[in-house]
Amino acid sequence: MWPWGHLAVGYLAYAALSRWRYGEPPSAAATLAVAVGTQFPDLVDKPLAWTFHVLPSGRSLAHSLLTTAIVCALVYVYARRHGWTRPAIAFAVGYITHPFADALSPLLAGEYAYVRYLGWPVLDQPPYDTSRGFGAHFADLEPSSLVLAGAFLVGFALLIWLRDGRPGLAALREWLRARRVV
């Protein structure tokens, strides 16, 4: 799944949880945390596999459910001490949805060996080509049914985010201005 698809899945999952558990849309901090959580596995695994060649694939260490559990637990323990439990939960929802969303394509294709990353390093990985970077993968993007489904998810998530009052946008702008990025 592409980054924007992960963001959409994570936001939709956390927005539903927030409304169910807290009776309100996600806060700005929770929205930013879920956004980081949805990208975290790829921000770790892709560079370590594709650029530095120290991991067997772009879906290994940070995509493993073992790593997911450890990272989410550490984030929660730290955040709880500082009164940031909702953003920690949002981060965990974003992170947890990522490896499962990546499993969708191989599962639908019947390529079950390609979901073994969920059990890395306990389960061996099938061979992956790690010589290509993000740009090469992006160049191969074609309008398949999964890509179109991802676009639909992004559009739906955008509508929900707008309905929720665009949480996180003002905080992100303020953070970027403080660093003189915009």
N, C-alpha and C. Protein backbone atom coordinates (compact mmCIF):
# COMPACT_ATOMS: atom_id res chain seq x y z
N MET A 1 0.85 -1.17 0.00
CA MET A 1 0.00 0.00 0.00
C MET A 1 0.90 1.24 0.00
N TRP A 2 0.42 2.26 -0.65
CA TRP A 2 1.17 3.51 -0.75
C TRP A 2 0.96 4.36 0.51
N PRO A 3 1.87 5.32 0.77
CA PRO A 3 1.78 6.12 2.00
C PRO A 3 0.41 6.77 2.22
N TRP A 4 -0.18 7.32 1.18
CA TRP A 4 -1.46 8.00 1.33
C TRP A 4 -2.58 7.00 1.68
N GLY A 5 -2.46 5.78 1.21
CA GLY A 5 -3.43 4.74 1.57
C GLY A 5 -3.31 4.36 3.03
N HIS A 6 -2.07 4.24 3.50
CA HIS A 6 -1.86 3.94 4.93
C HIS A 6 -2.43 5.06 5.79
N LEU A 7 -2.19 6.29 5.38
CA LEU A 7 -2.72 7.43 6.13
C LEU A 7 -4.24 7.38 6.19
N ALA A 8 -4.87 7.07 5.07
CA ALA A 8 -6.33 7.00 5.02
C ALA A 8 -6.86 5.89 5.93
N VAL A 9 -6.28 4.70 5.83
CA VAL A 9 -6.73 3.58 6.64
C VAL A 9 -6.56 3.89 8.13
N GLY A 10 -5.39 4.41 8.49
CA GLY A 10 -5.12 4.73 9.89
C GLY A 10 -6.04 5.80 10.42
N TYR A 11 -6.26 6.86 9.63
CA TYR A 11 -7.14 7.93 10.10
C TYR A 11 -8.57 7.43 10.27
N LEU A 12 -9.06 6.68 9.31
CA LEU A 12 -10.43 6.16 9.40
C LEU A 12 -10.59 5.25 10.62
N ALA A 13 -9.60 4.40 10.86
CA ALA A 13 -9.66 3.50 12.02
C ALA A 13 -9.64 4.30 13.32
N TYR A 14 -8.74 5.29 13.42
CA TYR A 14 -8.68 6.05 14.67
C TYR A 14 -9.88 6.97 14.83
N ALA A 15 -10.38 7.56 13.75
CA ALA A 15 -11.56 8.42 13.85
C ALA A 15 -12.76 7.61 14.36
N ALA A 16 -12.90 6.38 13.87
CA ALA A 16 -13.99 5.52 14.36
C ALA A 16 -13.79 5.19 15.83
N LEU A 17 -12.57 4.86 16.22
CA LEU A 17 -12.28 4.56 17.61
C LEU A 17 -12.53 5.77 18.50
N SER A 18 -12.10 6.93 18.06
CA SER A 18 -12.27 8.15 18.84
C SER A 18 -13.74 8.47 19.08
N ARG A 19 -14.54 8.32 18.05
CA ARG A 19 -15.98 8.58 18.20
C ARG A 19 -16.63 7.53 19.10
N TRP A 20 -16.21 6.27 18.95
CA TRP A 20 -16.79 5.20 19.77
C TRP A 20 -16.34 5.31 21.23
N ARG A 21 -15.03 5.50 21.44
CA ARG A 21 -14.47 5.47 22.81
C ARG A 21 -14.66 6.80 23.55
N TYR A 22 -14.47 7.92 22.85
CA TYR A 22 -14.47 9.22 23.51
C TYR A 22 -15.67 10.08 23.15
N GLY A 23 -16.43 9.67 22.14
CA GLY A 23 -17.61 10.42 21.73
C GLY A 23 -17.31 11.72 21.01
N GLU A 24 -16.12 11.82 20.42
CA GLU A 24 -15.72 13.04 19.71
C GLU A 24 -14.73 12.71 18.61
N PRO A 25 -14.57 13.63 17.65
CA PRO A 25 -13.57 13.39 16.60
C PRO A 25 -12.16 13.45 17.17
N PRO A 26 -11.19 12.98 16.42
CA PRO A 26 -9.81 13.02 16.90
C PRO A 26 -9.33 14.44 17.18
N SER A 27 -8.48 14.57 18.19
CA SER A 27 -7.85 15.86 18.48
C SER A 27 -6.73 16.10 17.48
N ALA A 28 -6.19 17.31 17.51
CA ALA A 28 -5.06 17.65 16.64
C ALA A 28 -3.86 16.76 16.95
N ALA A 29 -3.54 16.60 18.23
CA ALA A 29 -2.38 15.79 18.61
C ALA A 29 -2.58 14.34 18.21
N ALA A 30 -3.77 13.81 18.40
CA ALA A 30 -4.03 12.42 18.02
C ALA A 30 -3.96 12.24 16.51
N THR A 31 -4.45 13.21 15.77
CA THR A 31 -4.40 13.13 14.31
C THR A 31 -2.96 13.12 13.81
N LEU A 32 -2.14 13.98 14.36
CA LEU A 32 -0.73 14.00 13.96
C LEU A 32 -0.03 12.70 14.37
N ALA A 33 -0.39 12.18 15.54
CA ALA A 33 0.21 10.93 16.01
C ALA A 33 -0.19 9.75 15.13
N VAL A 34 -1.46 9.69 14.74
CA VAL A 34 -1.89 8.60 13.86
C VAL A 34 -1.20 8.72 12.51
N ALA A 35 -0.99 9.93 12.02
CA ALA A 35 -0.29 10.14 10.76
C ALA A 35 1.14 9.60 10.84
N VAL A 36 1.84 9.92 11.92
CA VAL A 36 3.21 9.41 12.10
C VAL A 36 3.19 7.89 12.21
N GLY A 37 2.26 7.36 12.98
CA GLY A 37 2.17 5.91 13.15
C GLY A 37 1.95 5.18 11.84
N THR A 38 1.13 5.75 10.96
CA THR A 38 0.85 5.08 9.69
C THR A 38 2.07 5.03 8.77
N GLN A 39 2.99 5.93 8.95
CA GLN A 39 4.17 5.99 8.07
C GLN A 39 5.40 5.34 8.70
N PHE A 40 5.38 5.16 10.01
CA PHE A 40 6.56 4.70 10.76
C PHE A 40 7.20 3.43 10.20
N PRO A 41 6.44 2.36 9.93
CA PRO A 41 7.10 1.14 9.44
C PRO A 41 7.89 1.36 8.15
N ASP A 42 7.34 2.13 7.22
CA ASP A 42 8.06 2.37 5.97
C ASP A 42 9.24 3.31 6.16
N LEU A 43 9.13 4.25 7.08
CA LEU A 43 10.24 5.18 7.34
C LEU A 43 11.44 4.46 7.94
N VAL A 44 11.19 3.33 8.59
CA VAL A 44 12.28 2.52 9.15
C VAL A 44 12.76 1.50 8.11
N ASP A 45 11.84 0.68 7.61
CA ASP A 45 12.24 -0.45 6.78
C ASP A 45 12.72 -0.10 5.38
N LYS A 46 12.07 0.82 4.71
CA LYS A 46 12.45 1.10 3.32
C LYS A 46 13.89 1.61 3.21
N PRO A 47 14.29 2.63 3.97
CA PRO A 47 15.69 3.07 3.86
C PRO A 47 16.69 2.00 4.28
N LEU A 48 16.37 1.25 5.35
CA LEU A 48 17.31 0.23 5.82
C LEU A 48 17.46 -0.93 4.83
N ALA A 49 16.42 -1.18 4.04
CA ALA A 49 16.50 -2.25 3.03
C ALA A 49 16.97 -1.72 1.69
N TRP A 50 16.38 -0.64 1.22
CA TRP A 50 16.63 -0.17 -0.14
C TRP A 50 17.88 0.68 -0.27
N THR A 51 18.23 1.43 0.77
CA THR A 51 19.39 2.32 0.69
C THR A 51 20.62 1.71 1.36
N PHE A 52 20.43 1.20 2.57
CA PHE A 52 21.57 0.69 3.34
C PHE A 52 21.75 -0.82 3.24
N HIS A 53 20.76 -1.53 2.72
CA HIS A 53 20.81 -2.98 2.49
C HIS A 53 21.16 -3.77 3.75
N VAL A 54 20.60 -3.36 4.90
CA VAL A 54 20.84 -4.09 6.15
C VAL A 54 19.61 -4.92 6.57
N LEU A 55 18.50 -4.77 5.88
CA LEU A 55 17.32 -5.58 6.14
C LEU A 55 16.99 -6.40 4.89
N PRO A 56 16.33 -7.54 5.07
CA PRO A 56 16.03 -8.40 3.92
C PRO A 56 14.99 -7.82 2.97
N SER A 57 14.17 -6.89 3.45
CA SER A 57 13.16 -6.30 2.57
C SER A 57 12.64 -5.01 3.18
N GLY A 58 11.86 -4.30 2.39
CA GLY A 58 11.21 -3.07 2.85
C GLY A 58 10.03 -3.36 3.76
N ARG A 59 9.77 -4.62 4.00
CA ARG A 59 8.76 -5.06 4.97
C ARG A 59 9.40 -6.13 5.84
N SER A 60 10.04 -5.71 6.90
CA SER A 60 10.67 -6.69 7.79
C SER A 60 10.64 -6.19 9.22
N LEU A 61 11.68 -5.54 9.67
CA LEU A 61 11.82 -5.15 11.07
C LEU A 61 10.62 -4.39 11.62
N ALA A 62 10.33 -3.23 11.07
CA ALA A 62 9.25 -2.40 11.62
C ALA A 62 7.87 -2.88 11.21
N HIS A 63 7.78 -3.78 10.24
CA HIS A 63 6.49 -4.35 9.84
C HIS A 63 6.16 -5.60 10.65
N SER A 64 7.11 -6.12 11.40
CA SER A 64 6.90 -7.30 12.21
C SER A 64 5.96 -6.99 13.36
N LEU A 65 5.06 -7.92 13.66
CA LEU A 65 4.13 -7.70 14.77
C LEU A 65 4.87 -7.68 16.10
N LEU A 66 5.99 -8.36 16.19
CA LEU A 66 6.80 -8.31 17.41
C LEU A 66 7.32 -6.89 17.64
N THR A 67 7.90 -6.29 16.61
CA THR A 67 8.39 -4.92 16.72
C THR A 67 7.24 -3.96 16.96
N THR A 68 6.14 -4.17 16.26
CA THR A 68 4.97 -3.32 16.43
C THR A 68 4.53 -3.29 17.89
N ALA A 69 4.44 -4.47 18.50
CA ALA A 69 4.01 -4.56 19.91
C ALA A 69 5.00 -3.85 20.83
N ILE A 70 6.28 -4.05 20.60
CA ILE A 70 7.30 -3.44 21.47
C ILE A 70 7.27 -1.91 21.33
N VAL A 71 7.29 -1.41 20.10
CA VAL A 71 7.31 0.04 19.88
C VAL A 71 6.04 0.68 20.45
N CYS A 72 4.89 0.10 20.17
CA CYS A 72 3.64 0.68 20.67
C CYS A 72 3.58 0.68 22.20
N ALA A 73 4.08 -0.38 22.82
CA ALA A 73 4.12 -0.44 24.29
C ALA A 73 5.05 0.63 24.85
N LEU A 74 6.22 0.79 24.25
CA LEU A 74 7.16 1.82 24.73
C LEU A 74 6.59 3.22 24.55
N VAL A 75 5.98 3.48 23.42
CA VAL A 75 5.37 4.79 23.18
C VAL A 75 4.26 5.04 24.19
N TYR A 76 3.44 4.04 24.46
CA TYR A 76 2.34 4.20 25.41
C TYR A 76 2.86 4.46 26.82
N VAL A 77 3.85 3.71 27.26
CA VAL A 77 4.40 3.89 28.61
C VAL A 77 4.97 5.31 28.76
N TYR A 78 5.73 5.74 27.77
CA TYR A 78 6.30 7.09 27.81
C TYR A 78 5.20 8.14 27.80
N ALA A 79 4.26 8.00 26.90
CA ALA A 79 3.19 9.00 26.75
C ALA A 79 2.30 9.05 27.99
N ARG A 80 2.05 7.92 28.58
CA ARG A 80 1.19 7.88 29.79
C ARG A 80 1.81 8.68 30.92
N ARG A 81 3.12 8.61 31.05
CA ARG A 81 3.82 9.37 32.10
C ARG A 81 3.68 10.88 31.90
N HIS A 82 3.45 11.29 30.65
CA HIS A 82 3.36 12.71 30.33
C HIS A 82 1.95 13.17 30.00
N GLY A 83 0.95 12.30 30.24
CA GLY A 83 -0.44 12.68 30.02
C GLY A 83 -0.86 12.72 28.56
N TRP A 84 -0.21 11.93 27.72
CA TRP A 84 -0.51 11.93 26.28
C TRP A 84 -1.02 10.56 25.83
N THR A 85 -1.94 9.99 26.59
CA THR A 85 -2.38 8.64 26.25
C THR A 85 -3.16 8.58 24.94
N ARG A 86 -4.00 9.56 24.67
CA ARG A 86 -4.76 9.51 23.41
C ARG A 86 -3.86 9.58 22.18
N PRO A 87 -2.89 10.49 22.14
CA PRO A 87 -1.98 10.45 21.00
C PRO A 87 -1.19 9.13 20.91
N ALA A 88 -0.84 8.55 22.04
CA ALA A 88 -0.13 7.27 22.02
C ALA A 88 -1.02 6.17 21.43
N ILE A 89 -2.27 6.18 21.81
CA ILE A 89 -3.22 5.20 21.25
C ILE A 89 -3.39 5.46 19.75
N ALA A 90 -3.47 6.72 19.37
CA ALA A 90 -3.60 7.06 17.95
C ALA A 90 -2.38 6.58 17.17
N PHE A 91 -1.18 6.79 17.71
CA PHE A 91 0.04 6.31 17.07
C PHE A 91 -0.04 4.79 16.89
N ALA A 92 -0.46 4.10 17.95
CA ALA A 92 -0.55 2.64 17.90
C ALA A 92 -1.55 2.17 16.85
N VAL A 93 -2.70 2.84 16.77
CA VAL A 93 -3.69 2.47 15.75
C VAL A 93 -3.10 2.66 14.35
N GLY A 94 -2.44 3.80 14.13
CA GLY A 94 -1.82 4.04 12.84
C GLY A 94 -0.76 3.00 12.52
N TYR A 95 0.07 2.69 13.51
CA TYR A 95 1.14 1.73 13.31
C TYR A 95 0.56 0.33 13.05
N ILE A 96 -0.37 -0.09 13.86
CA ILE A 96 -0.93 -1.45 13.75
C ILE A 96 -1.67 -1.65 12.43
N THR A 97 -2.34 -0.61 11.94
CA THR A 97 -3.06 -0.78 10.67
C THR A 97 -2.10 -0.95 9.49
N HIS A 98 -0.90 -0.40 9.61
CA HIS A 98 0.04 -0.43 8.49
C HIS A 98 0.41 -1.84 8.03
N PRO A 99 0.97 -2.69 8.90
CA PRO A 99 1.37 -4.01 8.40
C PRO A 99 0.20 -4.85 7.90
N PHE A 100 -0.97 -4.68 8.52
CA PHE A 100 -2.13 -5.44 8.06
C PHE A 100 -2.64 -4.93 6.72
N ALA A 101 -2.57 -3.63 6.50
CA ALA A 101 -2.97 -3.08 5.20
C ALA A 101 -2.01 -3.57 4.11
N ASP A 102 -0.72 -3.67 4.43
CA ASP A 102 0.24 -4.20 3.47
C ASP A 102 -0.02 -5.67 3.14
N ALA A 103 -0.60 -6.40 4.07
CA ALA A 103 -0.88 -7.83 3.85
C ALA A 103 -2.03 -8.05 2.89
N LEU A 104 -2.86 -7.06 2.69
CA LEU A 104 -4.06 -7.22 1.87
C LEU A 104 -3.74 -7.69 0.45
N SER A 105 -2.83 -7.02 -0.22
CA SER A 105 -2.51 -7.35 -1.61
C SER A 105 -1.99 -8.78 -1.77
N PRO A 106 -0.97 -9.20 -1.00
CA PRO A 106 -0.51 -10.59 -1.17
C PRO A 106 -1.57 -11.62 -0.77
N LEU A 107 -2.37 -11.32 0.23
CA LEU A 107 -3.43 -12.26 0.62
C LEU A 107 -4.46 -12.42 -0.50
N LEU A 108 -4.86 -11.31 -1.11
CA LEU A 108 -5.83 -11.38 -2.20
C LEU A 108 -5.26 -12.10 -3.42
N ALA A 109 -3.94 -12.01 -3.60
CA ALA A 109 -3.29 -12.67 -4.73
C ALA A 109 -2.94 -14.12 -4.42
N GLY A 110 -3.20 -14.57 -3.20
CA GLY A 110 -2.87 -15.94 -2.82
C GLY A 110 -1.39 -16.17 -2.60
N GLU A 111 -0.62 -15.10 -2.43
CA GLU A 111 0.83 -15.19 -2.22
C GLU A 111 1.13 -15.10 -0.72
N TYR A 112 0.76 -16.14 -0.01
CA TYR A 112 0.81 -16.13 1.45
C TYR A 112 2.21 -16.01 2.02
N ALA A 113 3.22 -16.43 1.29
CA ALA A 113 4.60 -16.30 1.76
C ALA A 113 4.98 -14.84 1.96
N TYR A 114 4.32 -13.95 1.22
CA TYR A 114 4.67 -12.53 1.29
C TYR A 114 4.02 -11.79 2.46
N VAL A 115 3.37 -12.54 3.35
CA VAL A 115 2.91 -11.92 4.60
C VAL A 115 3.72 -12.44 5.78
N ARG A 116 4.78 -13.19 5.49
CA ARG A 116 5.64 -13.69 6.57
C ARG A 116 6.37 -12.57 7.29
N TYR A 117 6.42 -11.40 6.69
CA TYR A 117 7.06 -10.26 7.38
C TYR A 117 6.37 -9.99 8.72
N LEU A 118 5.11 -10.37 8.85
CA LEU A 118 4.39 -10.17 10.11
C LEU A 118 5.06 -10.92 11.26
N GLY A 119 5.76 -11.99 10.95
CA GLY A 119 6.44 -12.77 11.97
C GLY A 119 7.95 -12.68 11.95
N TRP A 120 8.48 -11.66 11.25
CA TRP A 120 9.93 -11.49 11.17
C TRP A 120 10.47 -11.15 12.55
N PRO A 121 11.58 -11.63 13.02
CA PRO A 121 12.58 -12.48 12.39
C PRO A 121 12.34 -13.98 12.61
N VAL A 122 11.25 -14.35 13.25
CA VAL A 122 10.96 -15.76 13.50
C VAL A 122 10.69 -16.49 12.18
N LEU A 123 9.95 -15.87 11.28
CA LEU A 123 9.65 -16.47 9.98
C LEU A 123 10.60 -15.94 8.92
N ASP A 124 11.10 -16.83 8.09
CA ASP A 124 11.98 -16.44 6.98
C ASP A 124 11.21 -15.61 5.97
N GLN A 125 11.93 -14.74 5.29
CA GLN A 125 11.35 -13.90 4.25
C GLN A 125 11.58 -14.52 2.88
N PRO A 126 10.60 -14.41 1.98
CA PRO A 126 10.88 -14.81 0.60
C PRO A 126 11.86 -13.80 -0.01
N PRO A 127 12.50 -14.15 -1.12
CA PRO A 127 13.46 -13.20 -1.71
C PRO A 127 12.76 -11.94 -2.23
N TYR A 128 13.35 -10.82 -1.93
CA TYR A 128 12.86 -9.51 -2.39
C TYR A 128 13.97 -8.81 -3.14
N ASP A 129 13.61 -8.01 -4.10
CA ASP A 129 14.57 -7.16 -4.79
C ASP A 129 14.70 -5.87 -3.99
N THR A 130 15.84 -5.67 -3.35
CA THR A 130 16.06 -4.46 -2.55
C THR A 130 16.96 -3.46 -3.27
N SER A 131 17.21 -3.67 -4.55
CA SER A 131 18.11 -2.78 -5.28
C SER A 131 17.40 -1.52 -5.78
N ARG A 132 16.07 -1.53 -5.79
CA ARG A 132 15.32 -0.38 -6.31
C ARG A 132 14.86 0.51 -5.17
N GLY A 133 14.90 1.81 -5.39
CA GLY A 133 14.47 2.77 -4.39
C GLY A 133 13.00 3.14 -4.56
N PHE A 134 12.57 4.11 -3.76
CA PHE A 134 11.18 4.54 -3.78
C PHE A 134 10.79 5.08 -5.15
N GLY A 135 11.67 5.85 -5.76
CA GLY A 135 11.37 6.43 -7.08
C GLY A 135 11.07 5.37 -8.12
N ALA A 136 11.84 4.28 -8.12
CA ALA A 136 11.60 3.20 -9.07
C ALA A 136 10.27 2.52 -8.81
N HIS A 137 9.94 2.33 -7.54
CA HIS A 137 8.65 1.72 -7.20
C HIS A 137 7.50 2.65 -7.60
N PHE A 138 7.69 3.94 -7.37
CA PHE A 138 6.66 4.91 -7.73
C PHE A 138 6.46 4.95 -9.24
N ALA A 139 7.54 4.83 -10.00
CA ALA A 139 7.45 4.84 -11.46
C ALA A 139 6.65 3.65 -11.98
N ASP A 140 6.62 2.55 -11.22
CA ASP A 140 5.87 1.36 -11.62
C ASP A 140 4.39 1.43 -11.24
N LEU A 141 3.97 2.50 -10.60
CA LEU A 141 2.58 2.62 -10.14
C LEU A 141 1.63 2.60 -11.34
N GLU A 142 0.70 1.67 -11.32
CA GLU A 142 -0.29 1.55 -12.38
C GLU A 142 -1.68 1.56 -11.76
N PRO A 143 -2.69 1.98 -12.51
CA PRO A 143 -4.05 2.06 -11.95
C PRO A 143 -4.72 0.68 -11.84
N SER A 144 -4.23 -0.13 -10.90
CA SER A 144 -4.83 -1.44 -10.66
C SER A 144 -6.07 -1.27 -9.78
N SER A 145 -6.77 -2.35 -9.55
CA SER A 145 -7.97 -2.28 -8.71
C SER A 145 -7.60 -1.90 -7.27
N LEU A 146 -6.45 -2.37 -6.78
CA LEU A 146 -6.03 -2.00 -5.43
C LEU A 146 -5.64 -0.53 -5.34
N VAL A 147 -5.00 -0.01 -6.38
CA VAL A 147 -4.64 1.41 -6.39
C VAL A 147 -5.90 2.27 -6.44
N LEU A 148 -6.87 1.86 -7.23
CA LEU A 148 -8.14 2.60 -7.31
C LEU A 148 -8.91 2.50 -5.99
N ALA A 149 -8.88 1.34 -5.36
CA ALA A 149 -9.52 1.20 -4.04
C ALA A 149 -8.82 2.11 -3.03
N GLY A 150 -7.50 2.20 -3.12
CA GLY A 150 -6.75 3.11 -2.24
C GLY A 150 -7.14 4.55 -2.47
N ALA A 151 -7.34 4.92 -3.73
CA ALA A 151 -7.76 6.30 -4.04
C ALA A 151 -9.14 6.58 -3.46
N PHE A 152 -10.03 5.60 -3.54
CA PHE A 152 -11.35 5.75 -2.94
C PHE A 152 -11.23 5.94 -1.43
N LEU A 153 -10.39 5.14 -0.79
CA LEU A 153 -10.18 5.26 0.66
C LEU A 153 -9.64 6.63 1.03
N VAL A 154 -8.71 7.12 0.25
CA VAL A 154 -8.15 8.45 0.50
C VAL A 154 -9.23 9.52 0.40
N GLY A 155 -10.05 9.44 -0.64
CA GLY A 155 -11.15 10.40 -0.79
C GLY A 155 -12.13 10.32 0.36
N PHE A 156 -12.49 9.11 0.77
CA PHE A 156 -13.41 8.93 1.89
C PHE A 156 -12.80 9.47 3.18
N ALA A 157 -11.52 9.15 3.43
CA ALA A 157 -10.85 9.64 4.63
C ALA A 157 -10.77 11.17 4.63
N LEU A 158 -10.53 11.74 3.47
CA LEU A 158 -10.49 13.20 3.36
C LEU A 158 -11.84 13.81 3.74
N LEU A 159 -12.92 13.22 3.28
CA LEU A 159 -14.26 13.71 3.63
C LEU A 159 -14.51 13.61 5.14
N ILE A 160 -14.11 12.50 5.74
CA ILE A 160 -14.28 12.33 7.19
C ILE A 160 -13.42 13.34 7.94
N TRP A 161 -12.18 13.52 7.49
CA TRP A 161 -11.27 14.49 8.12
C TRP A 161 -11.85 15.91 8.03
N LEU A 162 -12.40 16.26 6.89
CA LEU A 162 -13.04 17.58 6.73
C LEU A 162 -14.24 17.70 7.66
N ARG A 163 -15.05 16.65 7.73
CA ARG A 163 -16.21 16.65 8.63
C ARG A 163 -15.77 16.78 10.09
N ASP A 164 -14.62 16.19 10.41
CA ASP A 164 -14.10 16.25 11.77
C ASP A 164 -13.49 17.61 12.11
N GLY A 165 -13.47 18.53 11.17
CA GLY A 165 -12.94 19.87 11.44
C GLY A 165 -11.47 20.04 11.08
N ARG A 166 -10.93 19.19 10.24
CA ARG A 166 -9.52 19.24 9.80
C ARG A 166 -8.55 19.21 10.99
N PRO A 167 -8.72 18.24 11.90
CA PRO A 167 -7.83 18.22 13.07
C PRO A 167 -6.37 18.02 12.68
N GLY A 168 -5.52 18.78 13.32
CA GLY A 168 -4.08 18.68 13.11
C GLY A 168 -3.53 19.67 12.11
N LEU A 169 -4.37 20.21 11.23
CA LEU A 169 -3.88 21.11 10.19
C LEU A 169 -3.29 22.39 10.78
N ALA A 170 -4.00 23.03 11.68
CA ALA A 170 -3.50 24.27 12.28
C ALA A 170 -2.23 24.02 13.08
N ALA A 171 -2.19 22.92 13.82
CA ALA A 171 -0.99 22.60 14.62
C ALA A 171 0.20 22.32 13.71
N LEU A 172 -0.03 21.64 12.60
CA LEU A 172 1.05 21.37 11.66
C LEU A 172 1.56 22.66 11.02
N ARG A 173 0.64 23.53 10.63
CA ARG A 173 1.06 24.82 10.06
C ARG A 173 1.88 25.62 11.06
N GLU A 174 1.43 25.65 12.30
CA GLU A 174 2.15 26.39 13.35
C GLU A 174 3.55 25.81 13.55
N TRP A 175 3.65 24.49 13.58
CA TRP A 175 4.94 23.83 13.76
C TRP A 175 5.87 24.15 12.60
N LEU A 176 5.34 24.12 11.37
CA LEU A 176 6.15 24.43 10.18
C LEU A 176 6.59 25.89 10.17
N ARG A 177 5.70 26.79 10.57
CA ARG A 177 6.07 28.22 10.63
C ARG A 177 7.16 28.47 11.67
N ALA A 178 7.06 27.79 12.81
CA ALA A 178 8.06 27.96 13.87
C ALA A 178 9.44 27.52 13.39
N ARG A 179 9.48 26.60 12.45
CA ARG A 179 10.75 26.13 11.91
C ARG A 179 11.09 26.80 10.59
N ARG A 180 10.29 27.80 10.24
CA ARG A 180 10.48 28.60 9.02
C ARG A 180 10.50 27.75 7.76
N VAL A 181 9.66 26.72 7.76
CA VAL A 181 9.54 25.87 6.58
C VAL A 181 8.55 26.50 5.60
N VAL A 182 7.50 27.12 6.15
CA VAL A 182 6.50 27.81 5.29
C VAL A 182 6.35 29.24 5.74
